[in-house]
Amino acid sequence: MKRTNFILLALVLLLLILPLILPIPSGLKAPFSGTDNQSQAAIIAAHPDYQPWFEPLWKPPSSEIEGLLFALQAALGSGLLGYYLGLRRGQSQARRQARDRIDAGD
């Protein structure tokens, strides 16, 4: 049992460290740049005369606040999804228990 725990711990550490090491050999200037910046650079490289259709209504004052808003959006979405799945599971269990009581003749 101890060997299995050691192997699992090693795999977890590998999964934690590997994403931090992988961008280094590729020589990326900003290894954690978002896909928004990368797509914008690709569009400008492909079509230098491209003009955006619209501008954002509000731009966050810093990238930290933008990251915070993204994290809050993700937390809210996962919370709602978890609530819905838990609710459906509870309803399913209640129906199953009611059906079992009827079948048992209670």
N, C-alpha and C. Protein backbone atom coordinates (compact mmCIF):
# COMPACT_ATOMS: atom_id res chain seq x y z
N MET A 1 0.82 -1.20 0.00
CA MET A 1 0.00 0.00 0.00
C MET A 1 0.87 1.26 0.00
N LYS A 2 1.99 1.20 0.69
CA LYS A 2 2.85 2.38 0.76
C LYS A 2 3.47 2.68 -0.61
N ARG A 3 3.79 1.64 -1.36
CA ARG A 3 4.37 1.85 -2.68
C ARG A 3 3.36 2.52 -3.61
N THR A 4 2.11 2.12 -3.54
CA THR A 4 1.06 2.73 -4.36
C THR A 4 0.91 4.20 -4.02
N ASN A 5 0.93 4.53 -2.73
CA ASN A 5 0.82 5.93 -2.32
C ASN A 5 2.00 6.74 -2.84
N PHE A 6 3.19 6.16 -2.80
CA PHE A 6 4.38 6.85 -3.30
C PHE A 6 4.26 7.11 -4.80
N ILE A 7 3.79 6.13 -5.54
CA ILE A 7 3.63 6.28 -6.99
C ILE A 7 2.59 7.36 -7.29
N LEU A 8 1.49 7.36 -6.57
CA LEU A 8 0.45 8.37 -6.79
C LEU A 8 0.98 9.76 -6.45
N LEU A 9 1.74 9.88 -5.36
CA LEU A 9 2.31 11.16 -4.99
C LEU A 9 3.29 11.65 -6.06
N ALA A 10 4.09 10.74 -6.60
CA ALA A 10 5.03 11.11 -7.66
C ALA A 10 4.28 11.57 -8.91
N LEU A 11 3.19 10.92 -9.25
CA LEU A 11 2.41 11.32 -10.43
C LEU A 11 1.77 12.70 -10.22
N VAL A 12 1.28 12.96 -9.02
CA VAL A 12 0.68 14.26 -8.72
C VAL A 12 1.74 15.36 -8.82
N LEU A 13 2.91 15.11 -8.27
CA LEU A 13 3.99 16.10 -8.36
C LEU A 13 4.41 16.32 -9.81
N LEU A 14 4.45 15.27 -10.58
CA LEU A 14 4.79 15.40 -12.00
C LEU A 14 3.75 16.24 -12.73
N LEU A 15 2.48 16.01 -12.43
CA LEU A 15 1.42 16.80 -13.07
C LEU A 15 1.46 18.26 -12.64
N LEU A 16 1.95 18.53 -11.45
CA LEU A 16 2.06 19.91 -10.99
C LEU A 16 3.26 20.63 -11.60
N ILE A 17 4.36 19.93 -11.75
CA ILE A 17 5.60 20.56 -12.19
C ILE A 17 5.71 20.60 -13.71
N LEU A 18 5.23 19.59 -14.39
CA LEU A 18 5.39 19.49 -15.84
C LEU A 18 4.85 20.69 -16.62
N PRO A 19 3.66 21.21 -16.33
CA PRO A 19 3.20 22.39 -17.09
C PRO A 19 4.06 23.62 -16.88
N LEU A 20 4.76 23.69 -15.76
CA LEU A 20 5.63 24.84 -15.52
C LEU A 20 6.95 24.72 -16.28
N ILE A 21 7.37 23.50 -16.55
CA ILE A 21 8.65 23.27 -17.22
C ILE A 21 8.50 23.26 -18.74
N LEU A 22 7.40 22.78 -19.26
CA LEU A 22 7.22 22.61 -20.70
C LEU A 22 7.41 23.89 -21.53
N PRO A 23 6.91 25.06 -21.12
CA PRO A 23 7.09 26.24 -21.97
C PRO A 23 8.54 26.72 -22.07
N ILE A 24 9.40 26.36 -21.15
CA ILE A 24 10.76 26.89 -21.12
C ILE A 24 11.57 26.48 -22.35
N PRO A 25 11.63 25.21 -22.75
CA PRO A 25 12.46 24.84 -23.91
C PRO A 25 11.97 25.44 -25.23
N SER A 26 10.70 25.73 -25.33
CA SER A 26 10.18 26.24 -26.60
C SER A 26 10.54 27.70 -26.84
N GLY A 27 11.11 28.37 -25.83
CA GLY A 27 11.56 29.74 -26.00
C GLY A 27 10.45 30.76 -26.11
N LEU A 28 9.34 30.52 -25.48
CA LEU A 28 8.25 31.48 -25.51
C LEU A 28 8.60 32.71 -24.68
N LYS A 29 8.29 33.89 -25.20
CA LYS A 29 8.57 35.11 -24.44
C LYS A 29 7.58 35.24 -23.28
N ALA A 30 6.34 34.93 -23.53
CA ALA A 30 5.32 34.98 -22.49
C ALA A 30 4.62 33.62 -22.46
N PRO A 31 5.12 32.67 -21.67
CA PRO A 31 4.57 31.31 -21.73
C PRO A 31 3.12 31.22 -21.26
N PHE A 32 2.67 32.20 -20.50
CA PHE A 32 1.30 32.13 -20.00
C PHE A 32 0.41 33.20 -20.63
N SER A 33 0.73 33.60 -21.83
CA SER A 33 -0.13 34.57 -22.49
C SER A 33 -1.42 33.87 -22.90
N GLY A 34 -2.49 34.61 -22.84
CA GLY A 34 -3.80 34.03 -23.11
C GLY A 34 -4.06 33.83 -24.59
N THR A 35 -5.09 33.08 -24.88
CA THR A 35 -5.45 32.83 -26.27
C THR A 35 -5.96 34.08 -26.95
N ASP A 36 -6.50 35.03 -26.17
CA ASP A 36 -6.95 36.28 -26.78
C ASP A 36 -5.78 37.01 -27.44
N ASN A 37 -4.68 37.11 -26.72
CA ASN A 37 -3.49 37.79 -27.27
C ASN A 37 -2.91 37.02 -28.44
N GLN A 38 -2.87 35.70 -28.33
CA GLN A 38 -2.31 34.89 -29.41
C GLN A 38 -3.17 34.97 -30.66
N SER A 39 -4.49 34.95 -30.50
CA SER A 39 -5.36 35.03 -31.67
C SER A 39 -5.28 36.41 -32.31
N GLN A 40 -5.17 37.44 -31.49
CA GLN A 40 -5.04 38.79 -32.04
C GLN A 40 -3.75 38.92 -32.85
N ALA A 41 -2.68 38.36 -32.34
CA ALA A 41 -1.40 38.41 -33.07
C ALA A 41 -1.50 37.62 -34.38
N ALA A 42 -2.18 36.49 -34.37
CA ALA A 42 -2.32 35.69 -35.58
C ALA A 42 -3.18 36.41 -36.62
N ILE A 43 -4.23 37.08 -36.18
CA ILE A 43 -5.09 37.82 -37.11
C ILE A 43 -4.33 38.98 -37.73
N ILE A 44 -3.58 39.70 -36.91
CA ILE A 44 -2.82 40.83 -37.44
C ILE A 44 -1.74 40.35 -38.41
N ALA A 45 -1.12 39.21 -38.12
CA ALA A 45 -0.10 38.67 -39.03
C ALA A 45 -0.72 38.23 -40.36
N ALA A 46 -1.92 37.67 -40.32
CA ALA A 46 -2.57 37.19 -41.54
C ALA A 46 -3.19 38.33 -42.34
N HIS A 47 -3.80 39.30 -41.64
CA HIS A 47 -4.49 40.41 -42.30
C HIS A 47 -4.09 41.71 -41.59
N PRO A 48 -3.03 42.36 -42.03
CA PRO A 48 -2.56 43.56 -41.33
C PRO A 48 -3.55 44.72 -41.35
N ASP A 49 -4.45 44.77 -42.32
CA ASP A 49 -5.40 45.88 -42.41
C ASP A 49 -6.73 45.60 -41.72
N TYR A 50 -6.79 44.56 -40.92
CA TYR A 50 -8.04 44.19 -40.23
C TYR A 50 -8.42 45.24 -39.20
N GLN A 51 -9.68 45.61 -39.19
CA GLN A 51 -10.22 46.54 -38.20
C GLN A 51 -11.28 45.81 -37.38
N PRO A 52 -11.22 45.84 -36.05
CA PRO A 52 -12.23 45.18 -35.23
C PRO A 52 -13.62 45.78 -35.47
N TRP A 53 -14.63 44.97 -35.31
CA TRP A 53 -16.01 45.42 -35.53
C TRP A 53 -16.49 46.32 -34.42
N PHE A 54 -16.03 46.06 -33.20
CA PHE A 54 -16.48 46.85 -32.06
C PHE A 54 -15.41 46.84 -30.98
N GLU A 55 -15.56 47.73 -30.04
CA GLU A 55 -14.65 47.81 -28.89
C GLU A 55 -15.41 47.36 -27.64
N PRO A 56 -14.72 46.84 -26.65
CA PRO A 56 -15.41 46.43 -25.42
C PRO A 56 -16.05 47.63 -24.73
N LEU A 57 -17.17 47.38 -24.06
CA LEU A 57 -17.84 48.46 -23.33
C LEU A 57 -17.00 48.93 -22.15
N TRP A 58 -16.33 47.98 -21.48
CA TRP A 58 -15.50 48.31 -20.32
C TRP A 58 -14.27 47.42 -20.34
N LYS A 59 -13.13 48.01 -20.16
CA LYS A 59 -11.88 47.25 -20.09
C LYS A 59 -11.39 47.29 -18.66
N PRO A 60 -11.14 46.13 -18.04
CA PRO A 60 -10.65 46.13 -16.66
C PRO A 60 -9.34 46.91 -16.55
N PRO A 61 -9.13 47.58 -15.40
CA PRO A 61 -7.94 48.42 -15.26
C PRO A 61 -6.63 47.65 -15.27
N SER A 62 -6.65 46.36 -14.92
CA SER A 62 -5.40 45.59 -14.93
C SER A 62 -5.71 44.14 -15.29
N SER A 63 -4.67 43.41 -15.63
CA SER A 63 -4.86 42.00 -15.99
C SER A 63 -5.22 41.17 -14.77
N GLU A 64 -4.83 41.61 -13.57
CA GLU A 64 -5.20 40.88 -12.36
C GLU A 64 -6.71 40.93 -12.14
N ILE A 65 -7.30 42.08 -12.37
CA ILE A 65 -8.75 42.20 -12.21
C ILE A 65 -9.46 41.39 -13.28
N GLU A 66 -8.92 41.39 -14.48
CA GLU A 66 -9.50 40.58 -15.55
C GLU A 66 -9.45 39.10 -15.18
N GLY A 67 -8.33 38.66 -14.62
CA GLY A 67 -8.21 37.27 -14.16
C GLY A 67 -9.19 36.97 -13.03
N LEU A 68 -9.36 37.93 -12.11
CA LEU A 68 -10.31 37.75 -11.01
C LEU A 68 -11.72 37.60 -11.54
N LEU A 69 -12.11 38.43 -12.48
CA LEU A 69 -13.45 38.33 -13.05
C LEU A 69 -13.65 37.01 -13.77
N PHE A 70 -12.63 36.55 -14.48
CA PHE A 70 -12.71 35.26 -15.15
C PHE A 70 -12.86 34.13 -14.13
N ALA A 71 -12.10 34.19 -13.04
CA ALA A 71 -12.19 33.16 -12.00
C ALA A 71 -13.56 33.18 -11.33
N LEU A 72 -14.10 34.37 -11.08
CA LEU A 72 -15.44 34.46 -10.49
C LEU A 72 -16.50 33.89 -11.43
N GLN A 73 -16.34 34.16 -12.72
CA GLN A 73 -17.28 33.62 -13.70
C GLN A 73 -17.21 32.09 -13.72
N ALA A 74 -15.99 31.55 -13.68
CA ALA A 74 -15.83 30.10 -13.67
C ALA A 74 -16.39 29.49 -12.39
N ALA A 75 -16.17 30.14 -11.26
CA ALA A 75 -16.69 29.64 -9.98
C ALA A 75 -18.21 29.66 -9.97
N LEU A 76 -18.79 30.73 -10.46
CA LEU A 76 -20.25 30.82 -10.51
C LEU A 76 -20.83 29.74 -11.43
N GLY A 77 -20.23 29.56 -12.58
CA GLY A 77 -20.71 28.53 -13.52
C GLY A 77 -20.59 27.13 -12.95
N SER A 78 -19.45 26.83 -12.32
CA SER A 78 -19.29 25.49 -11.75
C SER A 78 -20.20 25.30 -10.55
N GLY A 79 -20.45 26.35 -9.78
CA GLY A 79 -21.38 26.24 -8.66
C GLY A 79 -22.80 25.95 -9.13
N LEU A 80 -23.24 26.66 -10.16
CA LEU A 80 -24.58 26.42 -10.70
C LEU A 80 -24.69 25.02 -11.31
N LEU A 81 -23.67 24.59 -12.02
CA LEU A 81 -23.69 23.26 -12.61
C LEU A 81 -23.70 22.19 -11.52
N GLY A 82 -22.88 22.37 -10.48
CA GLY A 82 -22.87 21.42 -9.37
C GLY A 82 -24.20 21.37 -8.64
N TYR A 83 -24.83 22.53 -8.44
CA TYR A 83 -26.14 22.57 -7.80
C TYR A 83 -27.17 21.81 -8.63
N TYR A 84 -27.18 22.06 -9.94
CA TYR A 84 -28.15 21.40 -10.81
C TYR A 84 -27.95 19.89 -10.82
N LEU A 85 -26.69 19.44 -10.94
CA LEU A 85 -26.44 18.00 -10.95
C LEU A 85 -26.80 17.37 -9.61
N GLY A 86 -26.52 18.05 -8.51
CA GLY A 86 -26.90 17.54 -7.19
C GLY A 86 -28.40 17.48 -7.03
N LEU A 87 -29.08 18.49 -7.51
CA LEU A 87 -30.54 18.51 -7.44
C LEU A 87 -31.14 17.35 -8.23
N ARG A 88 -30.65 17.14 -9.45
CA ARG A 88 -31.17 16.04 -10.27
C ARG A 88 -30.87 14.69 -9.64
N ARG A 89 -29.70 14.54 -9.04
CA ARG A 89 -29.37 13.27 -8.38
C ARG A 89 -30.29 13.04 -7.17
N GLY A 90 -30.53 14.09 -6.40
CA GLY A 90 -31.43 13.96 -5.25
C GLY A 90 -32.84 13.60 -5.68
N GLN A 91 -33.32 14.21 -6.76
CA GLN A 91 -34.64 13.88 -7.27
C GLN A 91 -34.69 12.43 -7.74
N SER A 92 -33.65 11.99 -8.41
CA SER A 92 -33.59 10.61 -8.88
C SER A 92 -33.60 9.63 -7.71
N GLN A 93 -32.83 9.92 -6.67
CA GLN A 93 -32.80 9.05 -5.50
C GLN A 93 -34.15 9.04 -4.79
N ALA A 94 -34.81 10.18 -4.71
CA ALA A 94 -36.13 10.23 -4.07
C ALA A 94 -37.14 9.40 -4.86
N ARG A 95 -37.10 9.48 -6.18
CA ARG A 95 -38.01 8.66 -6.99
C ARG A 95 -37.73 7.17 -6.81
N ARG A 96 -36.44 6.83 -6.76
CA ARG A 96 -36.06 5.43 -6.59
C ARG A 96 -36.52 4.90 -5.22
N GLN A 97 -36.36 5.71 -4.18
CA GLN A 97 -36.80 5.29 -2.85
C GLN A 97 -38.31 5.15 -2.80
N ALA A 98 -39.04 6.07 -3.44
CA ALA A 98 -40.50 5.97 -3.46
C ALA A 98 -40.95 4.72 -4.21
N ARG A 99 -40.28 4.42 -5.31
CA ARG A 99 -40.61 3.23 -6.08
C ARG A 99 -40.31 1.96 -5.28
N ASP A 100 -39.19 1.96 -4.55
CA ASP A 100 -38.84 0.81 -3.73
C ASP A 100 -39.85 0.60 -2.59
N ARG A 101 -40.35 1.69 -2.01
CA ARG A 101 -41.36 1.56 -0.94
C ARG A 101 -42.66 0.99 -1.49
N ILE A 102 -43.03 1.43 -2.70
CA ILE A 102 -44.26 0.91 -3.31
C ILE A 102 -44.09 -0.57 -3.63
N ASP A 103 -42.93 -0.94 -4.18
CA ASP A 103 -42.67 -2.35 -4.51
C ASP A 103 -42.63 -3.22 -3.27
N ALA A 104 -42.15 -2.67 -2.15
CA ALA A 104 -42.06 -3.45 -0.91
C ALA A 104 -43.42 -3.58 -0.23
N GLY A 105 -44.38 -2.75 -0.63
CA GLY A 105 -45.71 -2.82 -0.07
C GLY A 105 -45.89 -2.05 1.21
N ASP A 106 -45.04 -1.07 1.46
CA ASP A 106 -45.16 -0.26 2.68
C ASP A 106 -46.22 0.76 2.58
